[in-house]
Amino acid sequence: MRRIGLELADRKELEKLLKVAAKDPKVATTLAGKMVPSQGDVKEFAYGLLVGMVIGNFMASFEIKNGRQPDRDETADTLSIMMARMPTLRKSIMKQLEIR
């Protein structure tokens, strides 16, 4: 019987990506500083960019490993994990931008 949601290895991969992103958000903040429209908020742009980078990297990794896109349950599990860790990513972005 197949487990509903992400397999343990996929869950660990996503958690690893989130941990790395929160630990060092410099790429996202640097890109955001260069890309954000003059009327935009660099903090919000960097936050969205970092979240998008994590999800994009995870989805690409998942597809290469499994030879398919995540199903509905796996996608829901991915988003649930992301939602739980998003405050950590936001704090990391804010801290990085204060340092600059």
Protein backbone atom coordinates (compact mmCIF):
# COMPACT_ATOMS: atom_id res chain seq x y z
CA MET A 1 0.00 0.00 0.00
CA ARG A 2 1.36 3.39 -1.01
CA ARG A 3 1.67 6.09 1.62
CA ILE A 4 -0.42 9.17 0.95
CA GLY A 5 1.73 12.26 0.53
CA LEU A 6 5.47 12.50 0.19
CA GLU A 7 7.75 9.56 0.81
CA LEU A 8 10.21 10.03 3.67
CA ALA A 9 13.17 10.61 1.31
CA ASP A 10 11.26 13.31 -0.58
CA ARG A 11 10.16 14.95 2.66
CA LYS A 12 13.78 14.99 3.87
CA GLU A 13 14.91 16.52 0.56
CA LEU A 14 12.36 19.33 0.89
CA GLU A 15 13.32 19.95 4.52
CA LYS A 16 16.99 20.10 3.49
CA LEU A 17 16.24 22.67 0.78
CA LEU A 18 14.26 24.76 3.26
CA LYS A 19 17.02 24.62 5.85
CA VAL A 20 19.67 25.69 3.33
CA ALA A 21 17.46 28.50 2.01
CA ALA A 22 16.77 29.82 5.51
CA LYS A 23 20.41 29.60 6.50
CA ASP A 24 21.71 31.57 3.51
CA PRO A 25 19.18 33.71 1.63
CA LYS A 26 21.86 35.88 -0.03
CA VAL A 27 21.11 34.69 -3.56
CA ALA A 28 17.44 35.63 -3.26
CA THR A 29 18.12 38.99 -1.60
CA THR A 30 20.81 39.90 -4.13
CA LEU A 31 18.62 38.95 -7.08
CA ALA A 32 15.65 40.76 -5.56
CA GLY A 33 17.70 43.90 -5.11
CA LYS A 34 18.59 43.82 -8.81
CA MET A 35 15.18 42.75 -10.13
CA VAL A 36 12.56 44.43 -7.96
CA PRO A 37 10.59 47.14 -9.73
CA SER A 38 11.17 50.63 -8.32
CA GLN A 39 7.65 50.71 -6.88
CA GLY A 40 7.97 47.26 -5.27
CA ASP A 41 9.06 46.07 -1.86
CA VAL A 42 12.42 44.29 -2.01
CA LYS A 43 11.64 42.31 1.17
CA GLU A 44 8.42 40.87 -0.23
CA PHE A 45 9.99 40.25 -3.61
CA ALA A 46 12.97 38.43 -2.04
CA TYR A 47 10.61 36.35 0.11
CA GLY A 48 8.52 35.29 -2.87
CA LEU A 49 11.64 34.61 -4.90
CA LEU A 50 13.15 32.42 -2.17
CA VAL A 51 9.93 30.43 -1.72
CA GLY A 52 9.69 29.99 -5.49
CA MET A 53 13.29 28.85 -5.72
CA VAL A 54 12.78 26.22 -3.02
CA ILE A 55 9.57 24.89 -4.59
CA GLY A 56 11.09 24.93 -8.08
CA ASN A 57 14.21 23.09 -6.98
CA PHE A 58 12.20 20.54 -5.07
CA MET A 59 9.76 19.89 -7.93
CA ALA A 60 12.63 19.47 -10.41
CA SER A 61 14.42 17.09 -8.06
CA PHE A 62 11.22 15.14 -7.43
CA GLU A 63 10.52 14.77 -11.14
CA ILE A 64 14.07 13.60 -11.92
CA LYS A 65 14.02 11.09 -9.04
CA ASN A 66 10.51 9.75 -9.61
CA GLY A 67 10.11 10.20 -13.36
CA ARG A 68 6.83 12.04 -12.87
CA GLN A 69 5.31 15.14 -11.33
CA PRO A 70 3.94 14.93 -7.79
CA ASP A 71 0.35 13.72 -7.51
CA ARG A 72 -2.34 15.65 -5.66
CA ASP A 73 -1.50 14.20 -2.23
CA GLU A 74 2.23 14.76 -2.68
CA THR A 75 1.62 18.33 -3.81
CA ALA A 76 -0.63 18.98 -0.80
CA ASP A 77 2.04 17.55 1.49
CA THR A 78 4.70 19.73 -0.16
CA LEU A 79 2.59 22.85 0.29
CA SER A 80 1.80 21.92 3.89
CA ILE A 81 5.51 21.62 4.69
CA MET A 82 6.21 24.89 2.90
CA MET A 83 3.47 26.71 4.81
CA ALA A 84 4.90 25.51 8.12
CA ARG A 85 8.39 26.75 7.24
CA MET A 86 7.51 30.02 5.49
CA PRO A 87 7.79 32.15 8.67
CA THR A 88 11.38 30.92 9.06
CA LEU A 89 12.14 31.90 5.47
CA ARG A 90 10.60 35.35 5.99
CA LYS A 91 12.66 35.95 9.14
CA SER A 92 15.79 34.86 7.31
CA ILE A 93 15.11 37.34 4.48
CA MET A 94 14.44 40.18 6.92
CA LYS A 95 17.62 39.42 8.87
CA GLN A 96 19.71 39.28 5.68
CA LEU A 97 18.35 42.59 4.44
CA GLU A 98 19.05 44.26 7.80
CA ILE A 99 22.69 43.16 7.55
CA ARG A 100 23.17 44.83 4.17
